């Protein structure tokens, strides 16, 4: 499978720079970001993206941008690719800090349920806000998820 990273970081940052209201962030920007213009399918698979997250997520995304995260992720995806079919690859930043409803354990379990993404040729790689994201962690996560997708057999 060929895993091609789709840059999404700037769009995520733009959502978090809006006022933290449901009208602005959720309805005004998040739904437009994830849905196709017809609103009948996914355009960008961001299942763990919380448009109402607090400022620490914006700060984390800005730090990732400064540290060339997307370029490193794209390179790691390229290194873990073989041949067709092409899978558009996205990262998600799950907010597991504080008293939110997201935990690493529950989110990891959900991230293994790849059937809806697989059938659309999407690959979703999950990182956590609490993680220190290093080059080694990027390589490790990309390897884990690209192996997961490469070895997946859809149910008929």
N, C-alpha and C. Protein backbone atom coordinates (compact mmCIF):
# COMPACT_ATOMS: atom_id res chain seq x y z
N UNK A 1 0.84 -1.18 0.00
CA UNK A 1 0.00 0.00 0.00
C UNK A 1 0.88 1.24 0.00
N UNK A 2 0.39 2.25 -0.65
CA UNK A 2 1.10 3.51 -0.68
C UNK A 2 0.40 4.48 0.28
N UNK A 3 1.12 4.94 1.28
CA UNK A 3 0.57 5.85 2.28
C UNK A 3 1.09 7.26 2.01
N UNK A 4 0.18 8.13 1.64
CA UNK A 4 0.54 9.51 1.30
C UNK A 4 -0.08 10.43 2.35
N UNK A 5 0.77 11.15 3.05
CA UNK A 5 0.28 12.04 4.10
C UNK A 5 -0.41 13.26 3.48
N UNK A 6 -1.57 13.59 4.03
CA UNK A 6 -2.33 14.76 3.59
C UNK A 6 -2.15 15.86 4.65
N UNK A 7 -1.51 16.97 4.28
CA UNK A 7 -1.32 18.06 5.25
C UNK A 7 -2.65 18.61 5.75
N UNK A 8 -2.80 18.68 7.07
CA UNK A 8 -4.05 19.11 7.68
C UNK A 8 -3.80 20.03 8.87
N UNK A 9 -2.56 20.16 9.28
CA UNK A 9 -2.21 20.90 10.49
C UNK A 9 -2.67 22.35 10.45
N UNK A 10 -2.46 23.04 9.34
CA UNK A 10 -2.88 24.45 9.25
C UNK A 10 -4.40 24.59 9.40
N UNK A 11 -5.13 23.64 8.83
CA UNK A 11 -6.59 23.70 8.95
C UNK A 11 -7.05 23.43 10.37
N UNK A 12 -6.36 22.52 11.07
CA UNK A 12 -6.69 22.26 12.47
C UNK A 12 -6.41 23.51 13.31
N UNK A 13 -5.27 24.11 13.09
CA UNK A 13 -4.91 25.33 13.83
C UNK A 13 -5.95 26.41 13.58
N UNK A 14 -6.38 26.56 12.34
CA UNK A 14 -7.38 27.58 12.01
C UNK A 14 -8.68 27.38 12.79
N UNK A 15 -9.10 26.12 12.96
CA UNK A 15 -10.31 25.84 13.74
C UNK A 15 -10.13 26.32 15.17
N UNK A 16 -9.00 26.01 15.77
CA UNK A 16 -8.76 26.36 17.18
C UNK A 16 -8.51 27.85 17.39
N UNK A 17 -8.25 28.58 16.34
CA UNK A 17 -8.06 30.03 16.47
C UNK A 17 -9.39 30.78 16.46
N UNK A 18 -10.46 30.08 16.16
CA UNK A 18 -11.80 30.67 16.19
C UNK A 18 -12.30 30.73 17.63
N UNK A 19 -13.27 31.60 17.89
CA UNK A 19 -13.85 31.63 19.24
C UNK A 19 -14.39 30.26 19.62
N UNK A 20 -14.22 29.89 20.88
CA UNK A 20 -14.60 28.55 21.35
C UNK A 20 -16.09 28.49 21.64
N UNK A 21 -16.88 28.55 20.57
CA UNK A 21 -18.33 28.40 20.67
C UNK A 21 -18.76 27.32 19.68
N UNK A 22 -19.83 26.60 19.96
CA UNK A 22 -20.29 25.58 19.02
C UNK A 22 -20.59 26.16 17.63
N UNK A 23 -21.15 27.35 17.60
CA UNK A 23 -21.49 27.95 16.31
C UNK A 23 -20.25 28.19 15.45
N UNK A 24 -19.21 28.72 16.07
CA UNK A 24 -17.99 29.04 15.33
C UNK A 24 -17.17 27.80 15.01
N UNK A 25 -16.79 27.08 16.04
CA UNK A 25 -15.85 25.98 15.84
C UNK A 25 -16.50 24.73 15.26
N UNK A 26 -17.61 24.29 15.85
CA UNK A 26 -18.19 23.02 15.43
C UNK A 26 -18.95 23.17 14.11
N UNK A 27 -19.97 24.00 14.13
CA UNK A 27 -20.81 24.12 12.94
C UNK A 27 -20.14 24.97 11.85
N UNK A 28 -19.42 25.99 12.27
CA UNK A 28 -18.82 26.89 11.30
C UNK A 28 -17.61 26.35 10.59
N UNK A 29 -16.82 25.51 11.27
CA UNK A 29 -15.56 25.10 10.66
C UNK A 29 -15.29 23.61 10.67
N UNK A 30 -15.54 22.96 11.80
CA UNK A 30 -15.22 21.53 11.91
C UNK A 30 -16.00 20.68 10.90
N UNK A 31 -17.31 20.87 10.83
CA UNK A 31 -18.10 20.06 9.91
C UNK A 31 -17.70 20.30 8.46
N UNK A 32 -17.36 21.54 8.13
CA UNK A 32 -16.90 21.84 6.77
C UNK A 32 -15.55 21.17 6.49
N UNK A 33 -14.75 21.04 7.52
CA UNK A 33 -13.44 20.42 7.38
C UNK A 33 -13.56 18.91 7.13
N UNK A 34 -14.43 18.24 7.84
CA UNK A 34 -14.49 16.77 7.73
C UNK A 34 -15.43 16.26 6.63
N UNK A 35 -16.44 17.05 6.26
CA UNK A 35 -17.43 16.58 5.29
C UNK A 35 -17.09 17.01 3.87
N UNK A 36 -17.54 16.20 2.91
CA UNK A 36 -17.47 16.62 1.52
C UNK A 36 -18.46 17.76 1.32
N UNK A 37 -18.32 18.55 0.25
CA UNK A 37 -19.28 19.64 0.02
C UNK A 37 -20.74 19.17 -0.02
N UNK A 38 -20.98 17.94 -0.48
CA UNK A 38 -22.35 17.43 -0.53
C UNK A 38 -22.85 17.00 0.86
N UNK A 39 -21.95 16.92 1.83
CA UNK A 39 -22.24 16.50 3.21
C UNK A 39 -22.67 15.04 3.29
N UNK A 40 -22.31 14.25 2.28
CA UNK A 40 -22.72 12.85 2.27
C UNK A 40 -21.59 11.88 2.61
N UNK A 41 -20.37 12.40 2.77
CA UNK A 41 -19.26 11.51 3.06
C UNK A 41 -18.13 12.28 3.75
N UNK A 42 -17.12 11.55 4.15
CA UNK A 42 -15.96 12.16 4.77
C UNK A 42 -15.01 12.73 3.73
N UNK A 43 -14.52 13.91 4.01
CA UNK A 43 -13.49 14.53 3.18
C UNK A 43 -12.13 14.35 3.87
N UNK A 44 -12.10 14.61 5.17
CA UNK A 44 -10.90 14.44 5.99
C UNK A 44 -11.30 13.64 7.22
N UNK A 45 -10.75 12.45 7.41
CA UNK A 45 -11.12 11.62 8.57
C UNK A 45 -10.41 12.10 9.84
N UNK A 46 -11.13 12.76 10.69
CA UNK A 46 -10.57 13.30 11.94
C UNK A 46 -11.43 12.86 13.12
N UNK A 47 -11.51 11.54 13.37
CA UNK A 47 -12.43 11.06 14.40
C UNK A 47 -12.09 11.47 15.84
N UNK A 48 -10.83 11.82 16.08
CA UNK A 48 -10.45 12.17 17.45
C UNK A 48 -10.14 13.66 17.61
N UNK A 49 -10.51 14.43 16.62
CA UNK A 49 -10.32 15.88 16.63
C UNK A 49 -11.48 16.50 17.40
N UNK A 50 -11.18 17.19 18.49
CA UNK A 50 -12.23 17.80 19.31
C UNK A 50 -12.25 19.30 19.03
N UNK A 51 -13.22 19.78 18.25
CA UNK A 51 -13.23 21.20 17.90
C UNK A 51 -13.45 22.12 19.10
N UNK A 52 -13.91 21.58 20.21
CA UNK A 52 -14.15 22.42 21.39
C UNK A 52 -13.02 22.32 22.42
N UNK A 53 -11.90 21.75 22.03
CA UNK A 53 -10.78 21.58 22.96
C UNK A 53 -10.26 22.93 23.44
N UNK A 54 -9.58 22.88 24.56
CA UNK A 54 -9.04 24.11 25.17
C UNK A 54 -7.70 24.49 24.53
N UNK A 55 -7.13 25.56 25.02
CA UNK A 55 -5.96 26.17 24.40
C UNK A 55 -4.72 25.29 24.33
N UNK A 56 -4.60 24.30 25.23
CA UNK A 56 -3.40 23.46 25.20
C UNK A 56 -3.29 22.69 23.88
N UNK A 57 -4.40 22.41 23.24
CA UNK A 57 -4.35 21.69 21.96
C UNK A 57 -3.83 22.62 20.86
N UNK A 58 -4.30 23.84 20.84
CA UNK A 58 -3.77 24.81 19.88
C UNK A 58 -2.27 24.97 20.07
N UNK A 59 -1.84 25.08 21.31
CA UNK A 59 -0.41 25.23 21.60
C UNK A 59 0.38 24.01 21.12
N UNK A 60 -0.16 22.82 21.33
CA UNK A 60 0.51 21.59 20.89
C UNK A 60 0.62 21.56 19.37
N UNK A 61 -0.46 21.91 18.68
CA UNK A 61 -0.43 21.93 17.22
C UNK A 61 0.56 22.94 16.69
N UNK A 62 0.62 24.10 17.30
CA UNK A 62 1.59 25.12 16.88
C UNK A 62 3.02 24.65 17.11
N UNK A 63 3.25 23.94 18.21
CA UNK A 63 4.58 23.38 18.47
C UNK A 63 4.93 22.33 17.42
N UNK A 64 3.97 21.49 17.08
CA UNK A 64 4.21 20.48 16.03
C UNK A 64 4.60 21.16 14.72
N UNK A 65 3.90 22.23 14.39
CA UNK A 65 4.20 22.95 13.15
C UNK A 65 5.62 23.51 13.17
N UNK A 66 6.01 24.11 14.28
CA UNK A 66 7.37 24.67 14.41
C UNK A 66 8.45 23.59 14.30
N UNK A 67 8.11 22.38 14.71
CA UNK A 67 9.08 21.28 14.70
C UNK A 67 9.01 20.41 13.45
N UNK A 68 8.38 20.90 12.39
CA UNK A 68 8.33 20.22 11.10
C UNK A 68 7.65 18.85 11.18
N UNK A 69 6.65 18.75 12.03
CA UNK A 69 5.95 17.48 12.25
C UNK A 69 5.40 16.90 10.96
N UNK A 70 4.70 17.70 10.19
CA UNK A 70 4.05 17.16 8.98
C UNK A 70 5.07 16.66 7.97
N UNK A 71 6.17 17.36 7.84
CA UNK A 71 7.20 16.92 6.90
C UNK A 71 7.80 15.59 7.36
N UNK A 72 8.01 15.44 8.66
CA UNK A 72 8.54 14.19 9.20
C UNK A 72 7.53 13.05 9.05
N UNK A 73 6.28 13.36 9.27
CA UNK A 73 5.23 12.36 9.12
C UNK A 73 5.12 11.91 7.66
N UNK A 74 5.18 12.86 6.74
CA UNK A 74 5.10 12.53 5.31
C UNK A 74 6.26 11.63 4.90
N UNK A 75 7.43 11.92 5.39
CA UNK A 75 8.61 11.11 5.07
C UNK A 75 8.49 9.70 5.66
N UNK A 76 8.01 9.61 6.88
CA UNK A 76 7.81 8.29 7.50
C UNK A 76 6.77 7.48 6.74
N UNK A 77 5.71 8.13 6.27
CA UNK A 77 4.69 7.43 5.48
C UNK A 77 5.30 6.91 4.18
N UNK A 78 6.10 7.74 3.56
CA UNK A 78 6.75 7.36 2.31
C UNK A 78 7.66 6.14 2.53
N UNK A 79 8.39 6.13 3.63
CA UNK A 79 9.30 5.02 3.94
C UNK A 79 8.54 3.72 4.20
N UNK A 80 7.30 3.82 4.65
CA UNK A 80 6.50 2.63 4.97
C UNK A 80 5.54 2.25 3.86
N UNK A 81 5.73 2.82 2.68
CA UNK A 81 4.86 2.53 1.54
C UNK A 81 5.48 1.49 0.64
N UNK A 82 4.62 0.76 -0.02
CA UNK A 82 5.09 -0.20 -1.01
C UNK A 82 4.50 0.13 -2.37
N UNK A 83 3.32 -0.32 -2.63
CA UNK A 83 2.71 -0.06 -3.94
C UNK A 83 1.23 0.28 -3.75
N UNK A 84 0.49 0.25 -4.82
CA UNK A 84 -0.93 0.59 -4.78
C UNK A 84 -1.68 -0.44 -3.97
N UNK A 85 -2.83 -0.13 -3.45
CA UNK A 85 -3.58 1.10 -3.64
C UNK A 85 -3.06 2.24 -2.77
N UNK A 86 -3.44 3.42 -3.15
CA UNK A 86 -3.04 4.62 -2.44
C UNK A 86 -3.98 4.88 -1.27
N UNK A 87 -3.40 5.15 -0.12
CA UNK A 87 -4.18 5.51 1.06
C UNK A 87 -3.80 6.92 1.49
N UNK A 88 -4.81 7.80 1.53
CA UNK A 88 -4.60 9.14 2.05
C UNK A 88 -4.44 9.02 3.56
N UNK A 89 -3.35 9.54 4.09
CA UNK A 89 -3.01 9.34 5.48
C UNK A 89 -3.10 10.64 6.26
N UNK A 90 -3.79 10.58 7.38
CA UNK A 90 -4.05 11.75 8.23
C UNK A 90 -3.57 11.47 9.64
N UNK A 91 -3.23 12.52 10.36
CA UNK A 91 -2.97 12.36 11.78
C UNK A 91 -4.12 12.98 12.55
N UNK A 92 -4.35 12.45 13.72
CA UNK A 92 -5.32 13.01 14.66
C UNK A 92 -4.59 13.24 15.98
N UNK A 93 -4.91 14.33 16.64
CA UNK A 93 -4.36 14.61 17.96
C UNK A 93 -5.49 14.45 18.97
N UNK A 94 -5.45 13.37 19.72
CA UNK A 94 -6.48 13.10 20.72
C UNK A 94 -6.12 13.82 22.01
N UNK A 95 -7.09 14.49 22.60
CA UNK A 95 -6.88 15.27 23.82
C UNK A 95 -7.11 14.38 25.04
N UNK A 96 -6.02 13.85 25.57
CA UNK A 96 -6.10 12.97 26.74
C UNK A 96 -5.59 13.67 28.00
N UNK A 97 -5.56 15.00 27.97
CA UNK A 97 -5.06 15.77 29.12
C UNK A 97 -6.25 16.31 29.92
N UNK A 98 -6.11 16.30 31.23
CA UNK A 98 -7.17 16.87 32.07
C UNK A 98 -8.28 15.87 32.32
N UNK A 99 -9.45 16.42 32.51
CA UNK A 99 -10.60 15.61 32.88
C UNK A 99 -11.54 15.34 31.72
N UNK A 100 -11.00 15.30 30.51
CA UNK A 100 -11.83 15.05 29.34
C UNK A 100 -12.28 13.61 29.25
N UNK A 101 -13.06 13.31 28.24
CA UNK A 101 -13.59 11.96 28.06
C UNK A 101 -12.65 11.08 27.27
N UNK A 102 -11.56 11.64 26.74
CA UNK A 102 -10.63 10.87 25.93
C UNK A 102 -9.54 10.26 26.81
N UNK A 103 -9.36 8.96 26.69
CA UNK A 103 -8.24 8.28 27.36
C UNK A 103 -7.45 7.55 26.29
N UNK A 104 -6.18 7.30 26.57
CA UNK A 104 -5.36 6.55 25.62
C UNK A 104 -5.94 5.17 25.37
N UNK A 105 -6.40 4.52 26.42
CA UNK A 105 -6.90 3.15 26.28
C UNK A 105 -8.13 3.09 25.38
N UNK A 106 -9.12 3.92 25.66
CA UNK A 106 -10.35 3.87 24.85
C UNK A 106 -10.11 4.36 23.43
N UNK A 107 -9.30 5.40 23.28
CA UNK A 107 -9.03 5.93 21.95
C UNK A 107 -8.23 4.93 21.13
N UNK A 108 -7.25 4.29 21.76
CA UNK A 108 -6.47 3.29 21.03
C UNK A 108 -7.36 2.16 20.53
N UNK A 109 -8.25 1.69 21.37
CA UNK A 109 -9.18 0.63 20.95
C UNK A 109 -10.02 1.09 19.76
N UNK A 110 -10.52 2.32 19.82
CA UNK A 110 -11.32 2.84 18.71
C UNK A 110 -10.48 3.02 17.45
N UNK A 111 -9.21 3.38 17.61
CA UNK A 111 -8.35 3.61 16.44
C UNK A 111 -8.06 2.31 15.69
N UNK A 112 -8.29 1.17 16.34
CA UNK A 112 -8.08 -0.11 15.68
C UNK A 112 -9.29 -0.53 14.85
N UNK A 113 -10.39 0.17 14.99
CA UNK A 113 -11.60 -0.10 14.21
C UNK A 113 -11.51 0.69 12.91
N UNK A 114 -10.81 0.13 11.95
CA UNK A 114 -10.45 0.90 10.76
C UNK A 114 -11.36 0.68 9.55
N UNK A 115 -12.34 -0.20 9.64
CA UNK A 115 -13.17 -0.54 8.48
C UNK A 115 -13.76 0.66 7.75
N UNK A 116 -14.36 1.64 8.46
CA UNK A 116 -14.95 2.78 7.72
C UNK A 116 -13.90 3.61 6.99
N UNK A 117 -12.70 3.66 7.52
CA UNK A 117 -11.64 4.44 6.87
C UNK A 117 -11.01 3.64 5.74
N UNK A 118 -10.80 2.36 5.98
CA UNK A 118 -10.18 1.48 5.00
C UNK A 118 -10.97 1.49 3.69
N UNK A 119 -12.30 1.39 3.80
CA UNK A 119 -13.11 1.31 2.58
C UNK A 119 -13.08 2.63 1.78
N UNK A 120 -12.65 3.71 2.41
CA UNK A 120 -12.53 5.00 1.72
C UNK A 120 -11.07 5.31 1.37
N UNK A 121 -10.19 4.35 1.60
CA UNK A 121 -8.75 4.50 1.37
C UNK A 121 -8.15 5.63 2.20
N UNK A 122 -8.56 5.70 3.44
CA UNK A 122 -7.99 6.61 4.43
C UNK A 122 -7.21 5.79 5.45
N UNK A 123 -6.11 6.34 5.91
CA UNK A 123 -5.36 5.78 7.04
C UNK A 123 -5.30 6.88 8.09
N UNK A 124 -5.66 6.55 9.33
CA UNK A 124 -5.68 7.53 10.41
C UNK A 124 -4.64 7.12 11.46
N UNK A 125 -3.69 8.02 11.72
CA UNK A 125 -2.63 7.79 12.70
C UNK A 125 -2.91 8.69 13.90
N UNK A 126 -3.00 8.09 15.08
CA UNK A 126 -3.40 8.82 16.28
C UNK A 126 -2.19 9.13 17.17
N UNK A 127 -2.09 10.41 17.53
CA UNK A 127 -1.14 10.88 18.54
C UNK A 127 -1.96 11.45 19.69
N UNK A 128 -1.32 11.60 20.85
CA UNK A 128 -2.01 12.10 22.04
C UNK A 128 -1.37 13.39 22.52
N UNK A 129 -2.20 14.27 23.04
CA UNK A 129 -1.72 15.56 23.53
C UNK A 129 -0.69 15.40 24.64
N UNK A 130 -0.80 14.34 25.42
CA UNK A 130 0.13 14.12 26.54
C UNK A 130 1.49 13.60 26.08
N UNK A 131 1.60 13.17 24.85
CA UNK A 131 2.85 12.58 24.37
C UNK A 131 3.87 13.65 24.00
N UNK A 132 5.12 13.34 24.25
CA UNK A 132 6.21 14.13 23.70
C UNK A 132 6.48 13.53 22.33
N UNK A 133 6.18 14.27 21.29
CA UNK A 133 6.25 13.72 19.94
C UNK A 133 7.65 13.93 19.38
N UNK A 134 8.37 12.83 19.31
CA UNK A 134 9.75 12.82 18.82
C UNK A 134 9.80 12.16 17.44
N UNK A 135 10.95 12.25 16.80
CA UNK A 135 11.13 11.58 15.51
C UNK A 135 10.93 10.07 15.67
N UNK A 136 11.42 9.51 16.77
CA UNK A 136 11.25 8.07 17.00
C UNK A 136 9.79 7.69 17.19
N UNK A 137 9.03 8.53 17.91
CA UNK A 137 7.61 8.24 18.10
C UNK A 137 6.85 8.34 16.78
N UNK A 138 7.19 9.32 15.96
CA UNK A 138 6.55 9.43 14.64
C UNK A 138 6.80 8.16 13.84
N UNK A 139 8.05 7.72 13.79
CA UNK A 139 8.39 6.50 13.04
C UNK A 139 7.66 5.28 13.60
N UNK A 140 7.59 5.18 14.92
CA UNK A 140 6.92 4.05 15.58
C UNK A 140 5.43 4.02 15.26
N UNK A 141 4.78 5.17 15.36
CA UNK A 141 3.32 5.21 15.11
C UNK A 141 3.02 4.96 13.63
N UNK A 142 3.79 5.55 12.76
CA UNK A 142 3.55 5.34 11.32
C UNK A 142 3.73 3.85 10.99
N UNK A 143 4.76 3.23 11.52
CA UNK A 143 4.98 1.80 11.28
C UNK A 143 3.81 0.98 11.82
N UNK A 144 3.36 1.28 13.03
CA UNK A 144 2.24 0.55 13.62
C UNK A 144 1.00 0.64 12.75
N UNK A 145 0.61 1.88 12.39
CA UNK A 145 -0.65 2.05 11.65
C UNK A 145 -0.54 1.59 10.20
N UNK A 146 0.59 1.79 9.54
CA UNK A 146 0.71 1.31 8.16
C UNK A 146 0.71 -0.22 8.13
N UNK A 147 1.31 -0.85 9.15
CA UNK A 147 1.24 -2.31 9.24
C UNK A 147 -0.20 -2.77 9.49
N UNK A 148 -0.90 -2.07 10.38
CA UNK A 148 -2.30 -2.40 10.68
C UNK A 148 -3.14 -2.36 9.41
N UNK A 149 -3.02 -1.30 8.63
CA UNK A 149 -3.80 -1.16 7.40
C UNK A 149 -3.35 -2.16 6.34
N UNK A 150 -2.04 -2.38 6.23
CA UNK A 150 -1.52 -3.30 5.21
C UNK A 150 -1.96 -4.73 5.46
N UNK A 151 -2.17 -5.09 6.71
CA UNK A 151 -2.55 -6.46 7.05
C UNK A 151 -4.04 -6.66 7.28
N UNK A 152 -4.82 -5.61 7.06
CA UNK A 152 -6.26 -5.67 7.29
C UNK A 152 -6.97 -6.39 6.15
N UNK A 153 -7.90 -7.25 6.50
CA UNK A 153 -8.75 -7.92 5.52
C UNK A 153 -10.19 -7.50 5.80
N UNK A 154 -10.79 -6.75 4.87
CA UNK A 154 -12.18 -6.30 5.10
C UNK A 154 -13.16 -7.48 5.16
N UNK A 155 -14.16 -7.32 6.01
CA UNK A 155 -15.22 -8.34 6.09
C UNK A 155 -16.14 -8.17 4.89
N UNK A 156 -16.65 -9.27 4.42
CA UNK A 156 -17.55 -9.21 3.25
C UNK A 156 -18.98 -9.26 3.66
